[in-house]
């Protein structure tokens, strides 16, 4: 991210190999994925009983003001994976999910 931000400042990012469409969105998602793994690792090193499990999920294209109400998923359905992860009784951490399934990133 530091390299990208420096290249944005220098106005050289387009030749730096970064995504040319949805650049900010794509890189912010990459950053959230990396941060999820970093924090998950940090918390998983804790003693038993003190661990915190960190995961990340994509709710999908949700019918909200952010999508101009054009999404195809209700807010309730979008929250399903988040609730699923919050109630998970397995030691799963540092993963990315969509529709209750782990997605590789």
PDB file of N, CA and C in Angstrom:
ATOM      1  N   UNK A   1       0.824  -1.181   0.000  1.00  0.00           N
ATOM      2  CA  UNK A   1       0.000   0.000   0.000  1.00  0.00           C
ATOM      3  C   UNK A   1       0.873   1.250   0.000  1.00  0.00           C
ATOM      4  N   UNK A   2       1.986   1.185   0.695  1.00  0.00           N
ATOM      5  CA  UNK A   2       2.878   2.349   0.725  1.00  0.00           C
ATOM      6  C   UNK A   2       3.360   2.698  -0.677  1.00  0.00           C
ATOM      7  N   UNK A   3       3.698   1.669  -1.440  1.00  0.00           N
ATOM      8  CA  UNK A   3       4.165   1.894  -2.813  1.00  0.00           C
ATOM      9  C   UNK A   3       3.055   2.515  -3.650  1.00  0.00           C
ATOM     10  N   UNK A   4       1.857   1.966  -3.534  1.00  0.00           N
ATOM     11  CA  UNK A   4       0.729   2.505  -4.287  1.00  0.00           C
ATOM     12  C   UNK A   4       0.478   3.963  -3.926  1.00  0.00           C
ATOM     13  N   UNK A   5       0.433   4.252  -2.627  1.00  0.00           N
ATOM     14  CA  UNK A   5       0.164   5.625  -2.194  1.00  0.00           C
ATOM     15  C   UNK A   5       1.254   6.586  -2.666  1.00  0.00           C
ATOM     16  N   UNK A   6       2.495   6.139  -2.650  1.00  0.00           N
ATOM     17  CA  UNK A   6       3.582   6.984  -3.142  1.00  0.00           C
ATOM     18  C   UNK A   6       3.422   7.230  -4.643  1.00  0.00           C
ATOM     19  N   UNK A   7       3.045   6.178  -5.381  1.00  0.00           N
ATOM     20  CA  UNK A   7       2.866   6.336  -6.825  1.00  0.00           C
ATOM     21  C   UNK A   7       1.660   7.205  -7.153  1.00  0.00           C
ATOM     22  N   UNK A   8       0.632   7.180  -6.317  1.00  0.00           N
ATOM     23  CA  UNK A   8      -0.507   8.085  -6.514  1.00  0.00           C
ATOM     24  C   UNK A   8      -0.034   9.522  -6.326  1.00  0.00           C
ATOM     25  N   UNK A   9       0.737   9.728  -5.267  1.00  0.00           N
ATOM     26  CA  UNK A   9       1.267  11.067  -5.007  1.00  0.00           C
ATOM     27  C   UNK A   9       2.143  11.553  -6.156  1.00  0.00           C
ATOM     28  N   UNK A  10       2.952  10.646  -6.715  1.00  0.00           N
ATOM     29  CA  UNK A  10       3.842  10.997  -7.829  1.00  0.00           C
ATOM     30  C   UNK A  10       3.132  10.998  -9.185  1.00  0.00           C
ATOM     31  N   UNK A  11       1.858  10.566  -9.196  1.00  0.00           N
ATOM     32  CA  UNK A  11       1.070  10.411 -10.415  1.00  0.00           C
ATOM     33  C   UNK A  11       1.705   9.415 -11.388  1.00  0.00           C
ATOM     34  N   UNK A  12       2.258   8.322 -10.823  1.00  0.00           N
ATOM     35  CA  UNK A  12       2.860   7.267 -11.649  1.00  0.00           C
ATOM     36  C   UNK A  12       2.169   5.922 -11.446  1.00  0.00           C
ATOM     37  N   UNK A  13       1.068   5.886 -10.689  1.00  0.00           N
ATOM     38  CA  UNK A  13       0.434   4.615 -10.338  1.00  0.00           C
ATOM     39  C   UNK A  13      -0.067   3.849 -11.557  1.00  0.00           C
ATOM     40  N   UNK A  14      -0.495   4.531 -12.605  1.00  0.00           N
ATOM     41  CA  UNK A  14      -1.049   3.835 -13.772  1.00  0.00           C
ATOM     42  C   UNK A  14      -0.003   2.979 -14.470  1.00  0.00           C
ATOM     43  N   UNK A  15       1.245   3.342 -14.377  1.00  0.00           N
ATOM     44  CA  UNK A  15       2.303   2.533 -14.995  1.00  0.00           C
ATOM     45  C   UNK A  15       2.907   1.546 -13.996  1.00  0.00           C
ATOM     46  N   UNK A  16       2.370   1.529 -12.770  1.00  0.00           N
ATOM     47  CA  UNK A  16       2.921   0.669 -11.723  1.00  0.00           C
ATOM     48  C   UNK A  16       2.338  -0.728 -11.672  1.00  0.00           C
ATOM     49  N   UNK A  17       1.448  -1.073 -12.609  1.00  0.00           N
ATOM     50  CA  UNK A  17       0.872  -2.417 -12.631  1.00  0.00           C
ATOM     51  C   UNK A  17      -0.355  -2.590 -11.746  1.00  0.00           C
ATOM     52  N   UNK A  18      -0.903  -1.501 -11.233  1.00  0.00           N
ATOM     53  CA  UNK A  18      -2.088  -1.569 -10.382  1.00  0.00           C
ATOM     54  C   UNK A  18      -3.333  -1.753 -11.237  1.00  0.00           C
ATOM     55  N   UNK A  19      -4.433  -2.280 -10.649  1.00  0.00           N
ATOM     56  CA  UNK A  19      -5.672  -2.417 -11.414  1.00  0.00           C
ATOM     57  C   UNK A  19      -6.096  -1.068 -11.982  1.00  0.00           C
ATOM     58  N   UNK A  20      -6.560  -1.063 -13.212  1.00  0.00           N
ATOM     59  CA  UNK A  20      -6.929   0.190 -13.879  1.00  0.00           C
ATOM     60  C   UNK A  20      -8.404   0.542 -13.696  1.00  0.00           C
ATOM     61  N   UNK A  21      -9.211  -0.419 -13.300  1.00  0.00           N
ATOM     62  CA  UNK A  21     -10.622  -0.114 -13.026  1.00  0.00           C
ATOM     63  C   UNK A  21     -10.930  -0.512 -11.588  1.00  0.00           C
ATOM     64  N   UNK A  22     -11.779   0.246 -10.959  1.00  0.00           N
ATOM     65  CA  UNK A  22     -12.121   0.049  -9.543  1.00  0.00           C
ATOM     66  C   UNK A  22     -10.867  -0.022  -8.683  1.00  0.00           C
ATOM     67  N   UNK A  23      -9.869   0.783  -9.018  1.00  0.00           N
ATOM     68  CA  UNK A  23      -8.564   0.737  -8.364  1.00  0.00           C
ATOM     69  C   UNK A  23      -8.679   0.899  -6.853  1.00  0.00           C
ATOM     70  N   UNK A  24      -9.316   1.961  -6.402  1.00  0.00           N
ATOM     71  CA  UNK A  24      -9.428   2.202  -4.962  1.00  0.00           C
ATOM     72  C   UNK A  24     -10.164   1.076  -4.263  1.00  0.00           C
ATOM     73  N   UNK A  25     -11.261   0.630  -4.862  1.00  0.00           N
ATOM     74  CA  UNK A  25     -12.057  -0.452  -4.286  1.00  0.00           C
ATOM     75  C   UNK A  25     -11.228  -1.732  -4.202  1.00  0.00           C
ATOM     76  N   UNK A  26     -10.574  -2.099  -5.295  1.00  0.00           N
ATOM     77  CA  UNK A  26      -9.777  -3.335  -5.334  1.00  0.00           C
ATOM     78  C   UNK A  26      -8.655  -3.321  -4.301  1.00  0.00           C
ATOM     79  N   UNK A  27      -7.949  -2.215  -4.223  1.00  0.00           N
ATOM     80  CA  UNK A  27      -6.834  -2.145  -3.286  1.00  0.00           C
ATOM     81  C   UNK A  27      -7.305  -2.072  -1.840  1.00  0.00           C
ATOM     82  N   UNK A  28      -8.440  -1.451  -1.603  1.00  0.00           N
ATOM     83  CA  UNK A  28      -8.952  -1.431  -0.232  1.00  0.00           C
ATOM     84  C   UNK A  28      -9.349  -2.830   0.204  1.00  0.00           C
ATOM     85  N   UNK A  29      -9.905  -3.629  -0.699  1.00  0.00           N
ATOM     86  CA  UNK A  29     -10.257  -5.019  -0.370  1.00  0.00           C
ATOM     87  C   UNK A  29      -9.004  -5.856  -0.133  1.00  0.00           C
ATOM     88  N   UNK A  30      -7.974  -5.640  -0.933  1.00  0.00           N
ATOM     89  CA  UNK A  30      -6.694  -6.326  -0.724  1.00  0.00           C
ATOM     90  C   UNK A  30      -6.138  -5.985   0.653  1.00  0.00           C
ATOM     91  N   UNK A  31      -6.218  -4.726   1.013  1.00  0.00           N
ATOM     92  CA  UNK A  31      -5.716  -4.273   2.305  1.00  0.00           C
ATOM     93  C   UNK A  31      -6.504  -4.892   3.458  1.00  0.00           C
ATOM     94  N   UNK A  32      -7.825  -4.949   3.339  1.00  0.00           N
ATOM     95  CA  UNK A  32      -8.650  -5.553   4.389  1.00  0.00           C
ATOM     96  C   UNK A  32      -8.330  -7.046   4.516  1.00  0.00           C
ATOM     97  N   UNK A  33      -8.138  -7.725   3.391  1.00  0.00           N
ATOM     98  CA  UNK A  33      -7.784  -9.142   3.436  1.00  0.00           C
ATOM     99  C   UNK A  33      -6.452  -9.352   4.155  1.00  0.00           C
ATOM    100  N   UNK A  34      -5.461  -8.558   3.808  1.00  0.00           N
ATOM    101  CA  UNK A  34      -4.137  -8.683   4.430  1.00  0.00           C
ATOM    102  C   UNK A  34      -4.214  -8.358   5.920  1.00  0.00           C
ATOM    103  N   UNK A  35      -4.936  -7.317   6.274  1.00  0.00           N
ATOM    104  CA  UNK A  35      -5.056  -6.926   7.673  1.00  0.00           C
ATOM    105  C   UNK A  35      -5.785  -7.999   8.481  1.00  0.00           C
ATOM    106  N   UNK A  36      -6.793  -8.628   7.879  1.00  0.00           N
ATOM    107  CA  UNK A  36      -7.510  -9.720   8.545  1.00  0.00           C
ATOM    108  C   UNK A  36      -6.543 -10.833   8.911  1.00  0.00           C
ATOM    109  N   UNK A  37      -5.694 -11.216   7.978  1.00  0.00           N
ATOM    110  CA  UNK A  37      -4.713 -12.277   8.250  1.00  0.00           C
ATOM    111  C   UNK A  37      -3.724 -11.869   9.335  1.00  0.00           C
ATOM    112  N   UNK A  38      -3.269 -10.642   9.274  1.00  0.00           N
ATOM    113  CA  UNK A  38      -2.301 -10.141  10.252  1.00  0.00           C
ATOM    114  C   UNK A  38      -2.890 -10.151  11.669  1.00  0.00           C
ATOM    115  N   UNK A  39      -4.077  -9.594  11.822  1.00  0.00           N
ATOM    116  CA  UNK A  39      -4.709  -9.534  13.138  1.00  0.00           C
ATOM    117  C   UNK A  39      -5.080 -10.931  13.621  1.00  0.00           C
ATOM    118  N   UNK A  40      -5.547 -11.780  12.717  1.00  0.00           N
ATOM    119  CA  UNK A  40      -5.897 -13.154  13.089  1.00  0.00           C
ATOM    120  C   UNK A  40      -4.678 -13.885  13.636  1.00  0.00           C
ATOM    121  N   UNK A  41      -3.548 -13.731  12.986  1.00  0.00           N
ATOM    122  CA  UNK A  41      -2.309 -14.370  13.446  1.00  0.00           C
ATOM    123  C   UNK A  41      -1.925 -13.857  14.827  1.00  0.00           C
ATOM    124  N   UNK A  42      -2.009 -12.547  14.997  1.00  0.00           N
ATOM    125  CA  UNK A  42      -1.654 -11.941  16.282  1.00  0.00           C
ATOM    126  C   UNK A  42      -2.530 -12.484  17.409  1.00  0.00           C
ATOM    127  N   UNK A  43      -3.845 -12.563  17.185  1.00  0.00           N
ATOM    128  CA  UNK A  43      -4.750 -13.031  18.222  1.00  0.00           C
ATOM    129  C   UNK A  43      -4.705 -14.549  18.409  1.00  0.00           C
ATOM    130  N   UNK A  44      -4.331 -15.299  17.394  1.00  0.00           N
ATOM    131  CA  UNK A  44      -4.299 -16.756  17.532  1.00  0.00           C
ATOM    132  C   UNK A  44      -3.089 -17.219  18.332  1.00  0.00           C
ATOM    133  N   UNK A  45      -2.106 -16.355  18.509  1.00  0.00           N
ATOM    134  CA  UNK A  45      -0.931 -16.694  19.316  1.00  0.00           C
ATOM    135  C   UNK A  45      -1.199 -16.585  20.812  1.00  0.00           C
ATOM    136  N   UNK A  46      -2.363 -16.131  21.179  1.00  0.00           N
ATOM    137  CA  UNK A  46      -2.714 -15.995  22.590  1.00  0.00           C
ATOM    138  C   UNK A  46      -2.908 -17.363  23.241  1.00  0.00           C
ATOM    139  N   UNK A  47      -2.878 -17.369  24.552  1.00  0.00           N
ATOM    140  CA  UNK A  47      -3.109 -18.594  25.308  1.00  0.00           C
ATOM    141  C   UNK A  47      -4.525 -19.101  25.081  1.00  0.00           C
ATOM    142  N   UNK A  48      -4.720 -20.391  25.287  1.00  0.00           N
ATOM    143  CA  UNK A  48      -6.048 -20.989  25.147  1.00  0.00           C
ATOM    144  C   UNK A  48      -7.007 -20.257  26.088  1.00  0.00           C
ATOM    145  N   UNK A  49      -8.194 -19.977  25.635  1.00  0.00           N
ATOM    146  CA  UNK A  49      -9.169 -19.245  26.424  1.00  0.00           C
ATOM    147  C   UNK A  49      -9.076 -17.740  26.252  1.00  0.00           C
ATOM    148  N   UNK A  50      -7.995 -17.258  25.648  1.00  0.00           N
ATOM    149  CA  UNK A  50      -7.816 -15.824  25.411  1.00  0.00           C
ATOM    150  C   UNK A  50      -7.760 -15.494  23.922  1.00  0.00           C
ATOM    151  N   UNK A  51      -7.910 -16.510  23.087  1.00  0.00           N
ATOM    152  CA  UNK A  51      -7.820 -16.306  21.643  1.00  0.00           C
ATOM    153  C   UNK A  51      -9.050 -15.559  21.123  1.00  0.00           C
ATOM    154  N   UNK A  52      -8.838 -14.796  20.094  1.00  0.00           N
ATOM    155  CA  UNK A  52      -9.918 -14.117  19.389  1.00  0.00           C
ATOM    156  C   UNK A  52      -9.789 -14.517  17.925  1.00  0.00           C
ATOM    157  N   UNK A  53     -10.886 -14.959  17.338  1.00  0.00           N
ATOM    158  CA  UNK A  53     -10.874 -15.401  15.957  1.00  0.00           C
ATOM    159  C   UNK A  53     -11.410 -14.285  15.062  1.00  0.00           C
ATOM    160  N   UNK A  54     -10.642 -13.949  14.042  1.00  0.00           N
ATOM    161  CA  UNK A  54     -10.957 -12.839  13.154  1.00  0.00           C
ATOM    162  C   UNK A  54     -11.151 -13.369  11.737  1.00  0.00           C
ATOM    163  N   UNK A  55     -12.287 -13.067  11.141  1.00  0.00           N
ATOM    164  CA  UNK A  55     -12.557 -13.440   9.756  1.00  0.00           C
ATOM    165  C   UNK A  55     -13.194 -12.248   9.041  1.00  0.00           C
ATOM    166  N   UNK A  56     -13.308 -12.366   7.755  1.00  0.00           N
ATOM    167  CA  UNK A  56     -13.793 -11.287   6.904  1.00  0.00           C
ATOM    168  C   UNK A  56     -14.789 -11.897   5.933  1.00  0.00           C
ATOM    169  N   UNK A  57     -15.866 -11.173   5.627  1.00  0.00           N
ATOM    170  CA  UNK A  57     -16.813 -11.727   4.655  1.00  0.00           C
ATOM    171  C   UNK A  57     -17.357 -10.650   3.738  1.00  0.00           C
ATOM    172  N   UNK A  58     -17.772 -11.112   2.583  1.00  0.00           N
ATOM    173  CA  UNK A  58     -18.394 -10.247   1.590  1.00  0.00           C
ATOM    174  C   UNK A  58     -19.899 -10.478   1.653  1.00  0.00           C
ATOM    175  N   UNK A  59     -20.677  -9.440   1.922  1.00  0.00           N
ATOM    176  CA  UNK A  59     -22.121  -9.627   1.999  1.00  0.00           C
ATOM    177  C   UNK A  59     -22.784  -9.737   0.633  1.00  0.00           C
ATOM    178  N   UNK A  60     -22.076  -9.347  -0.416  1.00  0.00           N
ATOM    179  CA  UNK A  60     -22.657  -9.383  -1.752  1.00  0.00           C
ATOM    180  C   UNK A  60     -23.153  -8.003  -2.169  1.00  0.00           C
ATOM    181  N   UNK A  61     -23.907  -7.964  -3.250  1.00  0.00           N
ATOM    182  CA  UNK A  61     -24.431  -6.720  -3.816  1.00  0.00           C
ATOM    183  C   UNK A  61     -25.767  -6.449  -3.130  1.00  0.00           C
ATOM    184  N   UNK A  62     -25.728  -5.655  -2.060  1.00  0.00           N
ATOM    185  CA  UNK A  62     -26.853  -5.487  -1.145  1.00  0.00           C
ATOM    186  C   UNK A  62     -27.712  -4.277  -1.521  1.00  0.00           C
ATOM    187  N   UNK A  63     -29.012  -4.415  -1.354  1.00  0.00           N
ATOM    188  CA  UNK A  63     -29.965  -3.329  -1.612  1.00  0.00           C
ATOM    189  C   UNK A  63     -29.838  -2.287  -0.500  1.00  0.00           C
ATOM    190  N   UNK A  64     -28.959  -1.324  -0.713  1.00  0.00           N
ATOM    191  CA  UNK A  64     -28.769  -0.222   0.238  1.00  0.00           C
ATOM    192  C   UNK A  64     -28.596   1.074  -0.540  1.00  0.00           C
ATOM    193  N   UNK A  65     -28.522   2.173   0.187  1.00  0.00           N
ATOM    194  CA  UNK A  65     -28.278   3.468  -0.453  1.00  0.00           C
ATOM    195  C   UNK A  65     -26.940   3.458  -1.185  1.00  0.00           C
ATOM    196  N   UNK A  66     -25.960   2.699  -0.663  1.00  0.00           N
ATOM    197  CA  UNK A  66     -24.639   2.644  -1.295  1.00  0.00           C
ATOM    198  C   UNK A  66     -24.711   2.093  -2.719  1.00  0.00           C
ATOM    199  N   UNK A  67     -25.629   1.173  -2.969  1.00  0.00           N
ATOM    200  CA  UNK A  67     -25.773   0.600  -4.311  1.00  0.00           C
ATOM    201  C   UNK A  67     -26.901   1.275  -5.095  1.00  0.00           C
ATOM    202  N   UNK A  68     -27.431   2.365  -4.557  1.00  0.00           N
ATOM    203  CA  UNK A  68     -28.565   3.020  -5.207  1.00  0.00           C
ATOM    204  C   UNK A  68     -29.787   2.115  -5.217  1.00  0.00           C
ATOM    205  N   UNK A  69     -29.875   1.249  -4.228  1.00  0.00           N
ATOM    206  CA  UNK A  69     -30.959   0.278  -4.074  1.00  0.00           C
ATOM    207  C   UNK A  69     -31.018  -0.703  -5.242  1.00  0.00           C
ATOM    208  N   UNK A  70     -29.901  -0.828  -5.974  1.00  0.00           N
ATOM    209  CA  UNK A  70     -29.856  -1.704  -7.147  1.00  0.00           C
ATOM    210  C   UNK A  70     -29.357  -3.106  -6.802  1.00  0.00           C
ATOM    211  N   UNK A  71     -28.967  -3.328  -5.568  1.00  0.00           N
ATOM    212  CA  UNK A  71     -28.457  -4.650  -5.193  1.00  0.00           C
ATOM    213  C   UNK A  71     -29.499  -5.734  -5.350  1.00  0.00           C
ATOM    214  N   UNK A  72     -29.046  -6.973  -5.359  1.00  0.00           N
ATOM    215  CA  UNK A  72     -29.978  -8.097  -5.510  1.00  0.00           C
ATOM    216  C   UNK A  72     -30.099  -8.929  -4.235  1.00  0.00           C
ATOM    217  N   UNK A  73     -29.549  -8.423  -3.121  1.00  0.00           N
ATOM    218  CA  UNK A  73     -29.584  -9.143  -1.847  1.00  0.00           C
ATOM    219  C   UNK A  73     -30.173  -8.219  -0.784  1.00  0.00           C
ATOM    220  N   UNK A  74     -31.079  -8.758   0.020  1.00  0.00           N
ATOM    221  CA  UNK A  74     -31.652  -7.962   1.101  1.00  0.00           C
ATOM    222  C   UNK A  74     -30.610  -7.775   2.205  1.00  0.00           C
ATOM    223  N   UNK A  75     -30.819  -6.764   3.021  1.00  0.00           N
ATOM    224  CA  UNK A  75     -29.917  -6.506   4.145  1.00  0.00           C
ATOM    225  C   UNK A  75     -29.896  -7.719   5.075  1.00  0.00           C
ATOM    226  N   UNK A  76     -31.053  -8.317   5.296  1.00  0.00           N
ATOM    227  CA  UNK A  76     -31.138  -9.492   6.170  1.00  0.00           C
ATOM    228  C   UNK A  76     -30.317 -10.657   5.620  1.00  0.00           C
ATOM    229  N   UNK A  77     -30.440 -10.918   4.319  1.00  0.00           N
ATOM    230  CA  UNK A  77     -29.669 -12.006   3.715  1.00  0.00           C
ATOM    231  C   UNK A  77     -28.174 -11.692   3.719  1.00  0.00           C
ATOM    232  N   UNK A  78     -27.838 -10.430   3.541  1.00  0.00           N
ATOM    233  CA  UNK A  78     -26.429 -10.027   3.545  1.00  0.00           C
ATOM    234  C   UNK A  78     -25.794 -10.257   4.907  1.00  0.00           C
ATOM    235  N   UNK A  79     -26.574 -10.125   5.962  1.00  0.00           N
ATOM    236  CA  UNK A  79     -26.059 -10.309   7.323  1.00  0.00           C
ATOM    237  C   UNK A  79     -25.895 -11.779   7.682  1.00  0.00           C
ATOM    238  N   UNK A  80     -26.455 -12.679   6.903  1.00  0.00           N
ATOM    239  CA  UNK A  80     -26.450 -14.108   7.239  1.00  0.00           C
ATOM    240  C   UNK A  80     -25.047 -14.655   7.482  1.00  0.00           C
ATOM    241  N   UNK A  81     -24.097 -14.385   6.608  1.00  0.00           N
ATOM    242  CA  UNK A  81     -22.746 -14.928   6.765  1.00  0.00           C
ATOM    243  C   UNK A  81     -22.062 -14.343   7.999  1.00  0.00           C
ATOM    244  N   UNK A  82     -22.294 -13.069   8.279  1.00  0.00           N
ATOM    245  CA  UNK A  82     -21.727 -12.455   9.475  1.00  0.00           C
ATOM    246  C   UNK A  82     -22.234 -13.121  10.747  1.00  0.00           C
ATOM    247  N   UNK A  83     -23.538 -13.383  10.794  1.00  0.00           N
ATOM    248  CA  UNK A  83     -24.126 -14.068  11.947  1.00  0.00           C
ATOM    249  C   UNK A  83     -23.592 -15.495  12.019  1.00  0.00           C
ATOM    250  N   UNK A  84     -23.517 -16.174  10.890  1.00  0.00           N
ATOM    251  CA  UNK A  84     -22.961 -17.525  10.824  1.00  0.00           C
ATOM    252  C   UNK A  84     -21.551 -17.564  11.425  1.00  0.00           C
ATOM    253  N   UNK A  85     -20.707 -16.614  11.038  1.00  0.00           N
ATOM    254  CA  UNK A  85     -19.333 -16.573  11.553  1.00  0.00           C
ATOM    255  C   UNK A  85     -19.296 -16.249  13.042  1.00  0.00           C
ATOM    256  N   UNK A  86     -20.147 -15.340  13.474  1.00  0.00           N
ATOM    257  CA  UNK A  86     -20.180 -14.962  14.892  1.00  0.00           C
ATOM    258  C   UNK A  86     -20.578 -16.136  15.774  1.00  0.00           C
ATOM    259  N   UNK A  87     -21.393 -17.026  15.256  1.00  0.00           N
ATOM    260  CA  UNK A  87     -21.880 -18.164  16.040  1.00  0.00           C
ATOM    261  C   UNK A  87     -21.107 -19.455  15.787  1.00  0.00           C
ATOM    262  N   UNK A  88     -20.094 -19.399  14.951  1.00  0.00           N
ATOM    263  CA  UNK A  88     -19.292 -20.575  14.612  1.00  0.00           C
ATOM    264  C   UNK A  88     -18.592 -21.113  15.850  1.00  0.00           C
ATOM    265  N   UNK A  89     -18.652 -22.415  16.044  1.00  0.00           N
ATOM    266  CA  UNK A  89     -18.027 -23.044  17.219  1.00  0.00           C
ATOM    267  C   UNK A  89     -16.689 -23.684  16.883  1.00  0.00           C
ATOM    268  N   UNK A  90     -16.187 -23.434  15.683  1.00  0.00           N
ATOM    269  CA  UNK A  90     -14.892 -23.972  15.268  1.00  0.00           C
ATOM    270  C   UNK A  90     -13.834 -22.883  15.365  1.00  0.00           C
ATOM    271  N   UNK A  91     -12.588 -23.315  15.505  1.00  0.00           N
ATOM    272  CA  UNK A  91     -11.465 -22.366  15.579  1.00  0.00           C
ATOM    273  C   UNK A  91     -11.024 -21.999  14.161  1.00  0.00           C
ATOM    274  N   UNK A  92     -11.790 -21.131  13.512  1.00  0.00           N
ATOM    275  CA  UNK A  92     -11.481 -20.679  12.160  1.00  0.00           C
ATOM    276  C   UNK A  92     -11.077 -19.212  12.262  1.00  0.00           C
ATOM    277  N   UNK A  93      -9.918 -18.868  11.707  1.00  0.00           N
ATOM    278  CA  UNK A  93      -9.463 -17.488  11.796  1.00  0.00           C
ATOM    279  C   UNK A  93      -8.609 -17.115  10.597  1.00  0.00           C
ATOM    280  N   UNK A  94      -8.644 -15.842  10.247  1.00  0.00           N
ATOM    281  CA  UNK A  94      -7.841 -15.340   9.135  1.00  0.00           C
ATOM    282  C   UNK A  94      -8.366 -15.741   7.769  1.00  0.00           C
ATOM    283  N   UNK A  95      -9.653 -15.996   7.683  1.00  0.00           N
ATOM    284  CA  UNK A  95     -10.253 -16.474   6.428  1.00  0.00           C
ATOM    285  C   UNK A  95     -11.241 -15.454   5.865  1.00  0.00           C
ATOM    286  N   UNK A  96     -11.520 -15.617   4.581  1.00  0.00           N
ATOM    287  CA  UNK A  96     -12.482 -14.779   3.865  1.00  0.00           C
ATOM    288  C   UNK A  96     -13.664 -15.653   3.475  1.00  0.00           C
ATOM    289  N   UNK A  97     -14.890 -15.169   3.717  1.00  0.00           N
ATOM    290  CA  UNK A  97     -16.091 -15.939   3.452  1.00  0.00           C
ATOM    291  C   UNK A  97     -17.068 -15.174   2.572  1.00  0.00           C
ATOM    292  N   UNK A  98     -17.872 -15.914   1.859  1.00  0.00           N
ATOM    293  CA  UNK A  98     -19.021 -15.408   1.116  1.00  0.00           C
ATOM    294  C   UNK A  98     -20.050 -16.523   1.113  1.00  0.00           C
ATOM    295  N   UNK A  99     -21.297 -16.183   1.364  1.00  0.00           N
ATOM    296  CA  UNK A  99     -22.396 -17.162   1.382  1.00  0.00           C
ATOM    297  C   UNK A  99     -22.050 -18.378   2.244  1.00  0.00           C
ATOM    298  N   UNK A 100     -21.512 -18.111   3.440  1.00  0.00           N
ATOM    299  CA  UNK A 100     -21.169 -19.136   4.430  1.00  0.00           C
ATOM    300  C   UNK A 100     -20.047 -20.082   3.994  1.00  0.00           C
ATOM    301  N   UNK A 101     -19.357 -19.766   2.923  1.00  0.00           N
ATOM    302  CA  UNK A 101     -18.270 -20.638   2.451  1.00  0.00           C
ATOM    303  C   UNK A 101     -16.955 -19.855   2.439  1.00  0.00           C
ATOM    304  N   UNK A 102     -15.872 -20.570   2.749  1.00  0.00           N
ATOM    305  CA  UNK A 102     -14.559 -19.949   2.670  1.00  0.00           C
ATOM    306  C   UNK A 102     -14.194 -19.711   1.208  1.00  0.00           C
ATOM    307  N   UNK A 103     -13.646 -18.540   0.945  1.00  0.00           N
ATOM    308  CA  UNK A 103     -13.215 -18.176  -0.400  1.00  0.00           C
ATOM    309  C   UNK A 103     -11.722 -17.908  -0.318  1.00  0.00           C
ATOM    310  N   UNK A 104     -10.951 -18.495  -1.217  1.00  0.00           N
ATOM    311  CA  UNK A 104      -9.510 -18.252  -1.224  1.00  0.00           C
ATOM    312  C   UNK A 104      -9.219 -16.845  -1.721  1.00  0.00           C
ATOM    313  N   UNK A 105      -8.246 -16.203  -1.085  1.00  0.00           N
ATOM    314  CA  UNK A 105      -7.808 -14.881  -1.544  1.00  0.00           C
ATOM    315  C   UNK A 105      -6.315 -14.794  -1.461  1.00  0.00           C
TER     316      UNK A 105
END
